[in-house]
mmCIF file of all heavy atoms, coordinates in Angstrom:
data_MODEL
# 
_entry.id   MODEL 
# 
loop_
_atom_site.group_PDB 
_atom_site.id 
_atom_site.type_symbol 
_atom_site.label_atom_id 
_atom_site.label_alt_id 
_atom_site.label_comp_id 
_atom_site.label_asym_id 
_atom_site.label_entity_id 
_atom_site.label_seq_id 
_atom_site.pdbx_PDB_ins_code 
_atom_site.Cartn_x 
_atom_site.Cartn_y 
_atom_site.Cartn_z 
_atom_site.occupancy 
_atom_site.B_iso_or_equiv 
_atom_site.pdbx_formal_charge 
_atom_site.auth_seq_id 
_atom_site.auth_comp_id 
_atom_site.auth_asym_id 
_atom_site.auth_atom_id 
_atom_site.pdbx_PDB_model_num 
ATOM 1   N N   . LYS A 1 1  ? 0.800  -1.210 0.069   1.00 0.00 ? 1  LYS A N   1 
ATOM 2   C CA  . LYS A 1 1  ? 0.030  -0.017 0.056   1.00 0.00 ? 1  LYS A CA  1 
ATOM 3   C C   . LYS A 1 1  ? 0.942  1.346  0.009   1.00 0.00 ? 1  LYS A C   1 
ATOM 4   O O   . LYS A 1 1  ? 1.917  1.324  0.748   1.00 0.00 ? 1  LYS A O   1 
ATOM 5   C CB  . LYS A 1 1  ? -0.904 -0.114 1.182   1.00 0.00 ? 1  LYS A CB  1 
ATOM 6   C CG  . LYS A 1 1  ? -1.835 1.227  1.274   1.00 0.00 ? 1  LYS A CG  1 
ATOM 7   C CD  . LYS A 1 1  ? -2.766 1.129  2.418   1.00 0.00 ? 1  LYS A CD  1 
ATOM 8   C CE  . LYS A 1 1  ? -3.653 2.428  2.441   1.00 0.00 ? 1  LYS A CE  1 
ATOM 9   N NZ  . LYS A 1 1  ? -4.743 2.295  3.506   1.00 0.00 ? 1  LYS A NZ  1 
ATOM 10  N N   . LYS A 1 2  ? 0.425  2.267  -0.890  1.00 0.00 ? 2  LYS A N   1 
ATOM 11  C CA  . LYS A 1 2  ? 1.137  3.537  -0.846  1.00 0.00 ? 2  LYS A CA  1 
ATOM 12  C C   . LYS A 1 2  ? 0.543  4.488  -0.030  1.00 0.00 ? 2  LYS A C   1 
ATOM 13  O O   . LYS A 1 2  ? -0.780 4.544  0.232   1.00 0.00 ? 2  LYS A O   1 
ATOM 14  C CB  . LYS A 1 2  ? 1.148  4.133  -2.280  1.00 0.00 ? 2  LYS A CB  1 
ATOM 15  C CG  . LYS A 1 2  ? 1.883  3.347  -3.318  1.00 0.00 ? 2  LYS A CG  1 
ATOM 16  C CD  . LYS A 1 2  ? 3.345  3.769  -3.400  1.00 0.00 ? 2  LYS A CD  1 
ATOM 17  C CE  . LYS A 1 2  ? 4.078  3.070  -4.473  1.00 0.00 ? 2  LYS A CE  1 
ATOM 18  N NZ  . LYS A 1 2  ? 5.528  3.373  -4.610  1.00 0.00 ? 2  LYS A NZ  1 
ATOM 19  N N   . ILE A 1 3  ? 1.274  5.396  0.718   1.00 0.00 ? 3  ILE A N   1 
ATOM 20  C CA  . ILE A 1 3  ? 0.722  6.339  1.623   1.00 0.00 ? 3  ILE A CA  1 
ATOM 21  C C   . ILE A 1 3  ? 1.413  7.766  1.163   1.00 0.00 ? 3  ILE A C   1 
ATOM 22  O O   . ILE A 1 3  ? 2.569  7.703  0.692   1.00 0.00 ? 3  ILE A O   1 
ATOM 23  C CB  . ILE A 1 3  ? 0.964  6.189  3.088   1.00 0.00 ? 3  ILE A CB  1 
ATOM 24  C CG1 . ILE A 1 3  ? 2.474  6.118  3.312   1.00 0.00 ? 3  ILE A CG1 1 
ATOM 25  C CG2 . ILE A 1 3  ? 0.226  4.897  3.479   1.00 0.00 ? 3  ILE A CG2 1 
ATOM 26  C CD1 . ILE A 1 3  ? 2.744  5.974  4.926   1.00 0.00 ? 3  ILE A CD1 1 
ATOM 27  N N   . GLN A 1 4  ? 0.672  8.838  1.318   1.00 0.00 ? 4  GLN A N   1 
ATOM 28  C CA  . GLN A 1 4  ? 1.118  10.061 0.906   1.00 0.00 ? 4  GLN A CA  1 
ATOM 29  C C   . GLN A 1 4  ? 1.516  10.912 2.291   1.00 0.00 ? 4  GLN A C   1 
ATOM 30  O O   . GLN A 1 4  ? 0.803  10.883 3.283   1.00 0.00 ? 4  GLN A O   1 
ATOM 31  C CB  . GLN A 1 4  ? 0.184  10.872 0.154   1.00 0.00 ? 4  GLN A CB  1 
ATOM 32  C CG  . GLN A 1 4  ? 0.549  12.324 -0.066  1.00 0.00 ? 4  GLN A CG  1 
ATOM 33  C CD  . GLN A 1 4  ? -0.579 13.050 -0.878  1.00 0.00 ? 4  GLN A CD  1 
ATOM 34  O OE1 . GLN A 1 4  ? -0.980 12.589 -1.948  1.00 0.00 ? 4  GLN A OE1 1 
ATOM 35  N NE2 . GLN A 1 4  ? -1.090 14.184 -0.319  1.00 0.00 ? 4  GLN A NE2 1 
ATOM 36  N N   . VAL A 1 5  ? 2.753  11.392 2.169   1.00 0.00 ? 5  VAL A N   1 
ATOM 37  C CA  . VAL A 1 5  ? 3.163  12.213 3.444   1.00 0.00 ? 5  VAL A CA  1 
ATOM 38  C C   . VAL A 1 5  ? 3.734  13.640 2.982   1.00 0.00 ? 5  VAL A C   1 
ATOM 39  O O   . VAL A 1 5  ? 4.147  13.795 1.762   1.00 0.00 ? 5  VAL A O   1 
ATOM 40  C CB  . VAL A 1 5  ? 4.336  11.539 4.131   1.00 0.00 ? 5  VAL A CB  1 
ATOM 41  C CG1 . VAL A 1 5  ? 3.884  10.207 4.709   1.00 0.00 ? 5  VAL A CG1 1 
ATOM 42  C CG2 . VAL A 1 5  ? 5.580  11.286 3.208   1.00 0.00 ? 5  VAL A CG2 1 
ATOM 43  N N   . PRO A 1 6  ? 3.689  14.621 3.862   1.00 0.00 ? 6  PRO A N   1 
ATOM 44  C CA  . PRO A 1 6  ? 4.265  15.801 3.393   1.00 0.00 ? 6  PRO A CA  1 
ATOM 45  C C   . PRO A 1 6  ? 5.672  15.982 3.255   1.00 0.00 ? 6  PRO A C   1 
ATOM 46  O O   . PRO A 1 6  ? 6.464  15.065 3.784   1.00 0.00 ? 6  PRO A O   1 
ATOM 47  C CB  . PRO A 1 6  ? 3.803  16.763 4.636   1.00 0.00 ? 6  PRO A CB  1 
ATOM 48  C CG  . PRO A 1 6  ? 2.739  16.042 5.519   1.00 0.00 ? 6  PRO A CG  1 
ATOM 49  C CD  . PRO A 1 6  ? 3.142  14.585 5.208   1.00 0.00 ? 6  PRO A CD  1 
ATOM 50  N N   . PHE A 1 7  ? 6.081  16.906 2.321   1.00 0.00 ? 7  PHE A N   1 
ATOM 51  C CA  . PHE A 1 7  ? 7.447  17.060 2.014   1.00 0.00 ? 7  PHE A CA  1 
ATOM 52  C C   . PHE A 1 7  ? 7.686  18.574 2.216   1.00 0.00 ? 7  PHE A C   1 
ATOM 53  O O   . PHE A 1 7  ? 7.743  19.276 1.127   1.00 0.00 ? 7  PHE A O   1 
ATOM 54  C CB  . PHE A 1 7  ? 7.817  16.547 0.623   1.00 0.00 ? 7  PHE A CB  1 
ATOM 55  C CG  . PHE A 1 7  ? 9.258  16.446 0.145   1.00 0.00 ? 7  PHE A CG  1 
ATOM 56  C CD1 . PHE A 1 7  ? 9.992  15.409 0.532   1.00 0.00 ? 7  PHE A CD1 1 
ATOM 57  C CD2 . PHE A 1 7  ? 9.821  17.432 -0.484  1.00 0.00 ? 7  PHE A CD2 1 
ATOM 58  C CE1 . PHE A 1 7  ? 11.278 15.339 0.235   1.00 0.00 ? 7  PHE A CE1 1 
ATOM 59  C CE2 . PHE A 1 7  ? 11.226 17.354 -0.899  1.00 0.00 ? 7  PHE A CE2 1 
ATOM 60  C CZ  . PHE A 1 7  ? 11.977 16.301 -0.433  1.00 0.00 ? 7  PHE A CZ  1 
ATOM 61  N N   . GLU A 1 8  ? 7.817  18.945 3.429   1.00 0.00 ? 8  GLU A N   1 
ATOM 62  C CA  . GLU A 1 8  ? 7.918  20.368 3.716   1.00 0.00 ? 8  GLU A CA  1 
ATOM 63  C C   . GLU A 1 8  ? 9.239  20.688 4.479   1.00 0.00 ? 8  GLU A C   1 
ATOM 64  O O   . GLU A 1 8  ? 9.147  20.671 5.640   1.00 0.00 ? 8  GLU A O   1 
ATOM 65  C CB  . GLU A 1 8  ? 6.647  20.831 4.434   1.00 0.00 ? 8  GLU A CB  1 
ATOM 66  C CG  . GLU A 1 8  ? 5.284  20.734 3.781   1.00 0.00 ? 8  GLU A CG  1 
ATOM 67  C CD  . GLU A 1 8  ? 5.175  21.899 2.647   1.00 0.00 ? 8  GLU A CD  1 
ATOM 68  O OE1 . GLU A 1 8  ? 5.988  22.709 2.782   1.00 0.00 ? 8  GLU A OE1 1 
ATOM 69  O OE2 . GLU A 1 8  ? 4.130  21.751 1.938   1.00 0.00 ? 8  GLU A OE2 1 
ATOM 70  N N   . GLN A 1 9  ? 10.267 20.965 3.768   1.00 0.00 ? 9  GLN A N   1 
ATOM 71  C CA  . GLN A 1 9  ? 11.523 21.279 4.455   1.00 0.00 ? 9  GLN A CA  1 
ATOM 72  C C   . GLN A 1 9  ? 12.311 22.095 3.442   1.00 0.00 ? 9  GLN A C   1 
ATOM 73  O O   . GLN A 1 9  ? 12.094 22.167 2.225   1.00 0.00 ? 9  GLN A O   1 
ATOM 74  C CB  . GLN A 1 9  ? 12.236 19.981 4.788   1.00 0.00 ? 9  GLN A CB  1 
ATOM 75  C CG  . GLN A 1 9  ? 12.768 19.127 3.813   1.00 0.00 ? 9  GLN A CG  1 
ATOM 76  C CD  . GLN A 1 9  ? 11.662 18.144 3.334   1.00 0.00 ? 9  GLN A CD  1 
ATOM 77  O OE1 . GLN A 1 9  ? 10.931 18.507 2.222   1.00 0.00 ? 9  GLN A OE1 1 
ATOM 78  N NE2 . GLN A 1 9  ? 11.417 17.062 3.996   1.00 0.00 ? 9  GLN A NE2 1 
ATOM 79  N N   . LEU A 1 10 ? 13.355 22.774 3.870   1.00 0.00 ? 10 LEU A N   1 
ATOM 80  C CA  . LEU A 1 10 ? 14.343 23.422 3.128   1.00 0.00 ? 10 LEU A CA  1 
ATOM 81  C C   . LEU A 1 10 ? 15.282 22.259 2.587   1.00 0.00 ? 10 LEU A C   1 
ATOM 82  O O   . LEU A 1 10 ? 16.120 21.733 3.380   1.00 0.00 ? 10 LEU A O   1 
ATOM 83  C CB  . LEU A 1 10 ? 15.117 24.460 3.899   1.00 0.00 ? 10 LEU A CB  1 
ATOM 84  C CG  . LEU A 1 10 ? 16.282 25.065 3.066   1.00 0.00 ? 10 LEU A CG  1 
ATOM 85  C CD1 . LEU A 1 10 ? 15.773 25.816 1.952   1.00 0.00 ? 10 LEU A CD1 1 
ATOM 86  C CD2 . LEU A 1 10 ? 16.940 26.148 4.080   1.00 0.00 ? 10 LEU A CD2 1 
ATOM 87  N N   . LEU A 1 11 ? 15.134 21.997 1.303   1.00 0.00 ? 11 LEU A N   1 
ATOM 88  C CA  . LEU A 1 11 ? 16.049 20.746 0.659   1.00 0.00 ? 11 LEU A CA  1 
ATOM 89  C C   . LEU A 1 11 ? 17.231 21.544 0.098   1.00 0.00 ? 11 LEU A C   1 
ATOM 90  O O   . LEU A 1 11 ? 17.150 22.447 -0.895  1.00 0.00 ? 11 LEU A O   1 
ATOM 91  C CB  . LEU A 1 11 ? 15.209 20.263 -0.282  1.00 0.00 ? 11 LEU A CB  1 
ATOM 92  C CG  . LEU A 1 11 ? 15.892 19.074 -1.039  1.00 0.00 ? 11 LEU A CG  1 
ATOM 93  C CD1 . LEU A 1 11 ? 16.222 17.943 -0.243  1.00 0.00 ? 11 LEU A CD1 1 
ATOM 94  C CD2 . LEU A 1 11 ? 14.870 18.388 -2.117  1.00 0.00 ? 11 LEU A CD2 1 
ATOM 95  N N   . ILE A 1 12 ? 18.413 21.117 0.441   1.00 0.00 ? 12 ILE A N   1 
ATOM 96  C CA  . ILE A 1 12 ? 19.652 21.610 -0.069  1.00 0.00 ? 12 ILE A CA  1 
ATOM 97  C C   . ILE A 1 12 ? 20.548 20.475 -0.556  1.00 0.00 ? 12 ILE A C   1 
ATOM 98  O O   . ILE A 1 12 ? 20.692 19.531 0.024   1.00 0.00 ? 12 ILE A O   1 
ATOM 99  C CB  . ILE A 1 12 ? 20.569 22.357 1.040   1.00 0.00 ? 12 ILE A CB  1 
ATOM 100 C CG1 . ILE A 1 12 ? 19.821 23.546 1.732   1.00 0.00 ? 12 ILE A CG1 1 
ATOM 101 C CG2 . ILE A 1 12 ? 21.796 22.945 0.375   1.00 0.00 ? 12 ILE A CG2 1 
ATOM 102 C CD1 . ILE A 1 12 ? 20.422 24.119 2.786   1.00 0.00 ? 12 ILE A CD1 1 
ATOM 103 N N   . PHE A 1 13 ? 20.937 20.716 -1.958  1.00 0.00 ? 13 PHE A N   1 
ATOM 104 C CA  . PHE A 1 13 ? 21.881 19.785 -2.551  1.00 0.00 ? 13 PHE A CA  1 
ATOM 105 C C   . PHE A 1 13 ? 23.224 20.310 -2.468  1.00 0.00 ? 13 PHE A C   1 
ATOM 106 O O   . PHE A 1 13 ? 23.230 21.517 -2.886  1.00 0.00 ? 13 PHE A O   1 
ATOM 107 C CB  . PHE A 1 13 ? 21.418 19.407 -3.961  1.00 0.00 ? 13 PHE A CB  1 
ATOM 108 C CG  . PHE A 1 13 ? 20.116 18.689 -4.140  1.00 0.00 ? 13 PHE A CG  1 
ATOM 109 C CD1 . PHE A 1 13 ? 18.946 19.435 -4.320  1.00 0.00 ? 13 PHE A CD1 1 
ATOM 110 C CD2 . PHE A 1 13 ? 19.897 17.349 -3.925  1.00 0.00 ? 13 PHE A CD2 1 
ATOM 111 C CE1 . PHE A 1 13 ? 17.728 18.766 -4.440  1.00 0.00 ? 13 PHE A CE1 1 
ATOM 112 C CE2 . PHE A 1 13 ? 18.754 16.726 -4.175  1.00 0.00 ? 13 PHE A CE2 1 
ATOM 113 C CZ  . PHE A 1 13 ? 17.566 17.532 -4.324  1.00 0.00 ? 13 PHE A CZ  1 
ATOM 114 N N   . ALA A 1 14 ? 24.232 19.670 -2.177  1.00 0.00 ? 14 ALA A N   1 
ATOM 115 C CA  . ALA A 1 14 ? 25.608 20.317 -2.215  1.00 0.00 ? 14 ALA A CA  1 
ATOM 116 C C   . ALA A 1 14 ? 26.494 19.258 -3.023  1.00 0.00 ? 14 ALA A C   1 
ATOM 117 O O   . ALA A 1 14 ? 26.463 18.029 -2.725  1.00 0.00 ? 14 ALA A O   1 
ATOM 118 C CB  . ALA A 1 14 ? 26.255 20.379 -0.788  1.00 0.00 ? 14 ALA A CB  1 
ATOM 119 N N   . SER A 1 15 ? 27.074 19.737 -4.031  1.00 0.00 ? 15 SER A N   1 
ATOM 120 C CA  . SER A 1 15 ? 27.800 18.878 -4.934  1.00 0.00 ? 15 SER A CA  1 
ATOM 121 C C   . SER A 1 15 ? 29.112 19.410 -5.455  1.00 0.00 ? 15 SER A C   1 
ATOM 122 O O   . SER A 1 15 ? 29.165 20.694 -5.668  1.00 0.00 ? 15 SER A O   1 
ATOM 123 C CB  . SER A 1 15 ? 26.892 18.350 -6.068  1.00 0.00 ? 15 SER A CB  1 
ATOM 124 O OG  . SER A 1 15 ? 27.588 17.642 -7.106  1.00 0.00 ? 15 SER A OG  1 
ATOM 125 N N   . ASN A 1 16 ? 30.137 18.715 -5.650  1.00 0.00 ? 16 ASN A N   1 
ATOM 126 C CA  . ASN A 1 16 ? 31.330 19.067 -6.282  1.00 0.00 ? 16 ASN A CA  1 
ATOM 127 C C   . ASN A 1 16 ? 31.179 19.125 -7.727  1.00 0.00 ? 16 ASN A C   1 
ATOM 128 O O   . ASN A 1 16 ? 32.108 19.699 -8.470  1.00 0.00 ? 16 ASN A O   1 
ATOM 129 C CB  . ASN A 1 16 ? 32.554 18.182 -5.913  1.00 0.00 ? 16 ASN A CB  1 
ATOM 130 C CG  . ASN A 1 16 ? 32.811 18.005 -4.471  1.00 0.00 ? 16 ASN A CG  1 
ATOM 131 O OD1 . ASN A 1 16 ? 32.518 18.967 -3.698  1.00 0.00 ? 16 ASN A OD1 1 
ATOM 132 N ND2 . ASN A 1 16 ? 33.404 16.891 -3.975  1.00 0.00 ? 16 ASN A ND2 1 
ATOM 133 N N   . LEU A 1 17 ? 30.102 18.649 -8.298  1.00 0.00 ? 17 LEU A N   1 
ATOM 134 C CA  . LEU A 1 17 ? 29.827 18.557 -9.780  1.00 0.00 ? 17 LEU A CA  1 
ATOM 135 C C   . LEU A 1 17 ? 29.049 19.675 -10.134 1.00 0.00 ? 17 LEU A C   1 
ATOM 136 O O   . LEU A 1 17 ? 28.259 20.279 -9.331  1.00 0.00 ? 17 LEU A O   1 
ATOM 137 C CB  . LEU A 1 17 ? 29.159 17.328 -10.229 1.00 0.00 ? 17 LEU A CB  1 
ATOM 138 C CG  . LEU A 1 17 ? 29.906 16.027 -9.640  1.00 0.00 ? 17 LEU A CG  1 
ATOM 139 C CD1 . LEU A 1 17 ? 28.958 14.781 -10.038 1.00 0.00 ? 17 LEU A CD1 1 
ATOM 140 C CD2 . LEU A 1 17 ? 31.193 15.820 -10.320 1.00 0.00 ? 17 LEU A CD2 1 
ATOM 141 N N   . ASP A 1 18 ? 29.212 20.247 -11.320 1.00 0.00 ? 18 ASP A N   1 
ATOM 142 C CA  . ASP A 1 18 ? 28.435 21.365 -11.837 1.00 0.00 ? 18 ASP A CA  1 
ATOM 143 C C   . ASP A 1 18 ? 27.087 20.929 -12.109 1.00 0.00 ? 18 ASP A C   1 
ATOM 144 O O   . ASP A 1 18 ? 26.942 19.801 -12.711 1.00 0.00 ? 18 ASP A O   1 
ATOM 145 C CB  . ASP A 1 18 ? 29.068 22.121 -13.028 1.00 0.00 ? 18 ASP A CB  1 
ATOM 146 C CG  . ASP A 1 18 ? 28.419 23.288 -13.420 1.00 0.00 ? 18 ASP A CG  1 
ATOM 147 O OD1 . ASP A 1 18 ? 27.347 23.212 -14.179 1.00 0.00 ? 18 ASP A OD1 1 
ATOM 148 O OD2 . ASP A 1 18 ? 28.782 24.387 -13.096 1.00 0.00 ? 18 ASP A OD2 1 
ATOM 149 N N   . SER A 1 19 ? 26.043 21.644 -11.880 1.00 0.00 ? 19 SER A N   1 
ATOM 150 C CA  . SER A 1 19 ? 24.691 21.143 -12.244 1.00 0.00 ? 19 SER A CA  1 
ATOM 151 C C   . SER A 1 19 ? 24.531 20.863 -13.619 1.00 0.00 ? 19 SER A C   1 
ATOM 152 O O   . SER A 1 19 ? 23.676 19.863 -13.971 1.00 0.00 ? 19 SER A O   1 
ATOM 153 C CB  . SER A 1 19 ? 23.751 22.169 -11.758 1.00 0.00 ? 19 SER A CB  1 
ATOM 154 O OG  . SER A 1 19 ? 23.894 23.506 -12.275 1.00 0.00 ? 19 SER A OG  1 
ATOM 155 N N   . ALA A 1 20 ? 25.222 21.538 -14.595 1.00 0.00 ? 20 ALA A N   1 
ATOM 156 C CA  . ALA A 1 20 ? 25.098 21.230 -16.046 1.00 0.00 ? 20 ALA A CA  1 
ATOM 157 C C   . ALA A 1 20 ? 25.660 19.914 -16.376 1.00 0.00 ? 20 ALA A C   1 
ATOM 158 O O   . ALA A 1 20 ? 25.166 19.322 -17.313 1.00 0.00 ? 20 ALA A O   1 
ATOM 159 C CB  . ALA A 1 20 ? 25.832 22.365 -16.804 1.00 0.00 ? 20 ALA A CB  1 
ATOM 160 N N   . ASP A 1 21 ? 26.453 19.305 -15.505 1.00 0.00 ? 21 ASP A N   1 
ATOM 161 C CA  . ASP A 1 21 ? 27.053 17.939 -15.683 1.00 0.00 ? 21 ASP A CA  1 
ATOM 162 C C   . ASP A 1 21 ? 26.003 16.862 -15.545 1.00 0.00 ? 21 ASP A C   1 
ATOM 163 O O   . ASP A 1 21 ? 26.132 15.989 -16.140 1.00 0.00 ? 21 ASP A O   1 
ATOM 164 C CB  . ASP A 1 21 ? 28.193 17.689 -14.773 1.00 0.00 ? 21 ASP A CB  1 
ATOM 165 C CG  . ASP A 1 21 ? 29.367 18.690 -15.068 1.00 0.00 ? 21 ASP A CG  1 
ATOM 166 O OD1 . ASP A 1 21 ? 29.536 19.225 -16.204 1.00 0.00 ? 21 ASP A OD1 1 
ATOM 167 O OD2 . ASP A 1 21 ? 30.194 18.889 -14.149 1.00 0.00 ? 21 ASP A OD2 1 
ATOM 168 N N   . PHE A 1 22 ? 24.906 17.197 -14.845 1.00 0.00 ? 22 PHE A N   1 
ATOM 169 C CA  . PHE A 1 22 ? 23.968 16.114 -14.574 1.00 0.00 ? 22 PHE A CA  1 
ATOM 170 C C   . PHE A 1 22 ? 23.098 15.844 -15.924 1.00 0.00 ? 22 PHE A C   1 
ATOM 171 O O   . PHE A 1 22 ? 22.651 14.828 -16.144 1.00 0.00 ? 22 PHE A O   1 
ATOM 172 C CB  . PHE A 1 22 ? 23.076 16.401 -13.415 1.00 0.00 ? 22 PHE A CB  1 
ATOM 173 C CG  . PHE A 1 22 ? 23.798 16.466 -12.187 1.00 0.00 ? 22 PHE A CG  1 
ATOM 174 C CD1 . PHE A 1 22 ? 23.910 17.672 -11.402 1.00 0.00 ? 22 PHE A CD1 1 
ATOM 175 C CD2 . PHE A 1 22 ? 24.462 15.301 -11.642 1.00 0.00 ? 22 PHE A CD2 1 
ATOM 176 C CE1 . PHE A 1 22 ? 24.694 17.649 -10.267 1.00 0.00 ? 22 PHE A CE1 1 
ATOM 177 C CE2 . PHE A 1 22 ? 25.187 15.302 -10.534 1.00 0.00 ? 22 PHE A CE2 1 
ATOM 178 C CZ  . PHE A 1 22 ? 25.286 16.472 -9.724  1.00 0.00 ? 22 PHE A CZ  1 
ATOM 179 N N   . GLY A 1 23 ? 23.028 16.978 -16.719 1.00 0.00 ? 23 GLY A N   1 
ATOM 180 C CA  . GLY A 1 23 ? 22.129 16.949 -17.902 1.00 0.00 ? 23 GLY A CA  1 
ATOM 181 C C   . GLY A 1 23 ? 20.716 16.386 -17.800 1.00 0.00 ? 23 GLY A C   1 
ATOM 182 O O   . GLY A 1 23 ? 20.147 15.750 -18.552 1.00 0.00 ? 23 GLY A O   1 
ATOM 183 N N   . GLU A 1 24 ? 20.152 16.633 -16.645 1.00 0.00 ? 24 GLU A N   1 
ATOM 184 C CA  . GLU A 1 24 ? 18.766 16.360 -16.298 1.00 0.00 ? 24 GLU A CA  1 
ATOM 185 C C   . GLU A 1 24 ? 17.890 17.431 -16.246 1.00 0.00 ? 24 GLU A C   1 
ATOM 186 O O   . GLU A 1 24 ? 17.676 18.109 -15.180 1.00 0.00 ? 24 GLU A O   1 
ATOM 187 C CB  . GLU A 1 24 ? 18.475 15.390 -15.122 1.00 0.00 ? 24 GLU A CB  1 
ATOM 188 C CG  . GLU A 1 24 ? 19.093 14.049 -15.331 1.00 0.00 ? 24 GLU A CG  1 
ATOM 189 C CD  . GLU A 1 24 ? 18.115 13.109 -16.176 1.00 0.00 ? 24 GLU A CD  1 
ATOM 190 O OE1 . GLU A 1 24 ? 16.899 13.408 -16.291 1.00 0.00 ? 24 GLU A OE1 1 
ATOM 191 O OE2 . GLU A 1 24 ? 18.664 12.157 -16.804 1.00 0.00 ? 24 GLU A OE2 1 
ATOM 192 N N   . GLU A 1 25 ? 17.375 18.088 -17.379 1.00 0.00 ? 25 GLU A N   1 
ATOM 193 C CA  . GLU A 1 25 ? 16.700 19.227 -17.457 1.00 0.00 ? 25 GLU A CA  1 
ATOM 194 C C   . GLU A 1 25 ? 15.293 19.219 -16.610 1.00 0.00 ? 25 GLU A C   1 
ATOM 195 O O   . GLU A 1 25 ? 14.858 20.137 -15.814 1.00 0.00 ? 25 GLU A O   1 
ATOM 196 C CB  . GLU A 1 25 ? 16.239 19.693 -18.801 1.00 0.00 ? 25 GLU A CB  1 
ATOM 197 C CG  . GLU A 1 25 ? 15.611 21.035 -18.824 1.00 0.00 ? 25 GLU A CG  1 
ATOM 198 C CD  . GLU A 1 25 ? 16.425 22.239 -18.335 1.00 0.00 ? 25 GLU A CD  1 
ATOM 199 O OE1 . GLU A 1 25 ? 17.622 22.062 -18.405 1.00 0.00 ? 25 GLU A OE1 1 
ATOM 200 O OE2 . GLU A 1 25 ? 15.827 23.235 -17.829 1.00 0.00 ? 25 GLU A OE2 1 
ATOM 201 N N   . ALA A 1 26 ? 14.701 18.049 -16.671 1.00 0.00 ? 26 ALA A N   1 
ATOM 202 C CA  . ALA A 1 26 ? 13.388 17.780 -15.877 1.00 0.00 ? 26 ALA A CA  1 
ATOM 203 C C   . ALA A 1 26 ? 13.759 18.017 -14.384 1.00 0.00 ? 26 ALA A C   1 
ATOM 204 O O   . ALA A 1 26 ? 12.755 18.515 -13.611 1.00 0.00 ? 26 ALA A O   1 
ATOM 205 C CB  . ALA A 1 26 ? 12.835 16.405 -16.100 1.00 0.00 ? 26 ALA A CB  1 
ATOM 206 N N   . PHE A 1 27 ? 14.862 17.564 -13.874 1.00 0.00 ? 27 PHE A N   1 
ATOM 207 C CA  . PHE A 1 27 ? 15.092 17.724 -12.474 1.00 0.00 ? 27 PHE A CA  1 
ATOM 208 C C   . PHE A 1 27 ? 15.602 19.153 -12.042 1.00 0.00 ? 27 PHE A C   1 
ATOM 209 O O   . PHE A 1 27 ? 15.217 19.769 -11.280 1.00 0.00 ? 27 PHE A O   1 
ATOM 210 C CB  . PHE A 1 27 ? 16.232 16.824 -12.141 1.00 0.00 ? 27 PHE A CB  1 
ATOM 211 C CG  . PHE A 1 27 ? 16.910 17.022 -10.711 1.00 0.00 ? 27 PHE A CG  1 
ATOM 212 C CD1 . PHE A 1 27 ? 16.145 16.602 -9.590  1.00 0.00 ? 27 PHE A CD1 1 
ATOM 213 C CD2 . PHE A 1 27 ? 18.085 17.519 -10.659 1.00 0.00 ? 27 PHE A CD2 1 
ATOM 214 C CE1 . PHE A 1 27 ? 16.697 16.801 -8.385  1.00 0.00 ? 27 PHE A CE1 1 
ATOM 215 C CE2 . PHE A 1 27 ? 18.733 17.717 -9.467  1.00 0.00 ? 27 PHE A CE2 1 
ATOM 216 C CZ  . PHE A 1 27 ? 18.040 17.273 -8.241  1.00 0.00 ? 27 PHE A CZ  1 
ATOM 217 N N   . LEU A 1 28 ? 16.558 19.634 -13.055 1.00 0.00 ? 28 LEU A N   1 
ATOM 218 C CA  . LEU A 1 28 ? 17.207 21.015 -12.666 1.00 0.00 ? 28 LEU A CA  1 
ATOM 219 C C   . LEU A 1 28 ? 16.033 22.237 -12.653 1.00 0.00 ? 28 LEU A C   1 
ATOM 220 O O   . LEU A 1 28 ? 16.173 23.086 -12.046 1.00 0.00 ? 28 LEU A O   1 
ATOM 221 C CB  . LEU A 1 28 ? 18.225 21.330 -13.680 1.00 0.00 ? 28 LEU A CB  1 
ATOM 222 C CG  . LEU A 1 28 ? 19.414 20.408 -13.705 1.00 0.00 ? 28 LEU A CG  1 
ATOM 223 C CD1 . LEU A 1 28 ? 20.461 20.746 -14.830 1.00 0.00 ? 28 LEU A CD1 1 
ATOM 224 C CD2 . LEU A 1 28 ? 20.126 20.459 -12.321 1.00 0.00 ? 28 LEU A CD2 1 
ATOM 225 N N   . ARG A 1 29 ? 15.162 22.068 -13.578 1.00 0.00 ? 29 ARG A N   1 
ATOM 226 C CA  . ARG A 1 29 ? 14.104 23.037 -13.706 1.00 0.00 ? 29 ARG A CA  1 
ATOM 227 C C   . ARG A 1 29 ? 13.142 23.190 -12.400 1.00 0.00 ? 29 ARG A C   1 
ATOM 228 O O   . ARG A 1 29 ? 12.491 24.046 -12.213 1.00 0.00 ? 29 ARG A O   1 
ATOM 229 C CB  . ARG A 1 29 ? 13.259 22.946 -15.034 1.00 0.00 ? 29 ARG A CB  1 
ATOM 230 C CG  . ARG A 1 29 ? 12.309 21.888 -15.011 1.00 0.00 ? 29 ARG A CG  1 
ATOM 231 C CD  . ARG A 1 29 ? 11.581 21.811 -16.414 1.00 0.00 ? 29 ARG A CD  1 
ATOM 232 N NE  . ARG A 1 29 ? 10.575 20.740 -16.476 1.00 0.00 ? 29 ARG A NE  1 
ATOM 233 C CZ  . ARG A 1 29 ? 9.304  20.929 -16.073 1.00 0.00 ? 29 ARG A CZ  1 
ATOM 234 N NH1 . ARG A 1 29 ? 8.824  21.936 -15.368 1.00 0.00 ? 29 ARG A NH1 1 
ATOM 235 N NH2 . ARG A 1 29 ? 8.535  19.732 -16.224 1.00 0.00 ? 29 ARG A NH2 1 
# 
């Protein structure tokens, strides 16, 4: 069974890689 829960936080990604290197526009936008 699937349940829905809130996702209410300040989400921070920290990476040594440049965001352009990931090449996932659906994610980056």
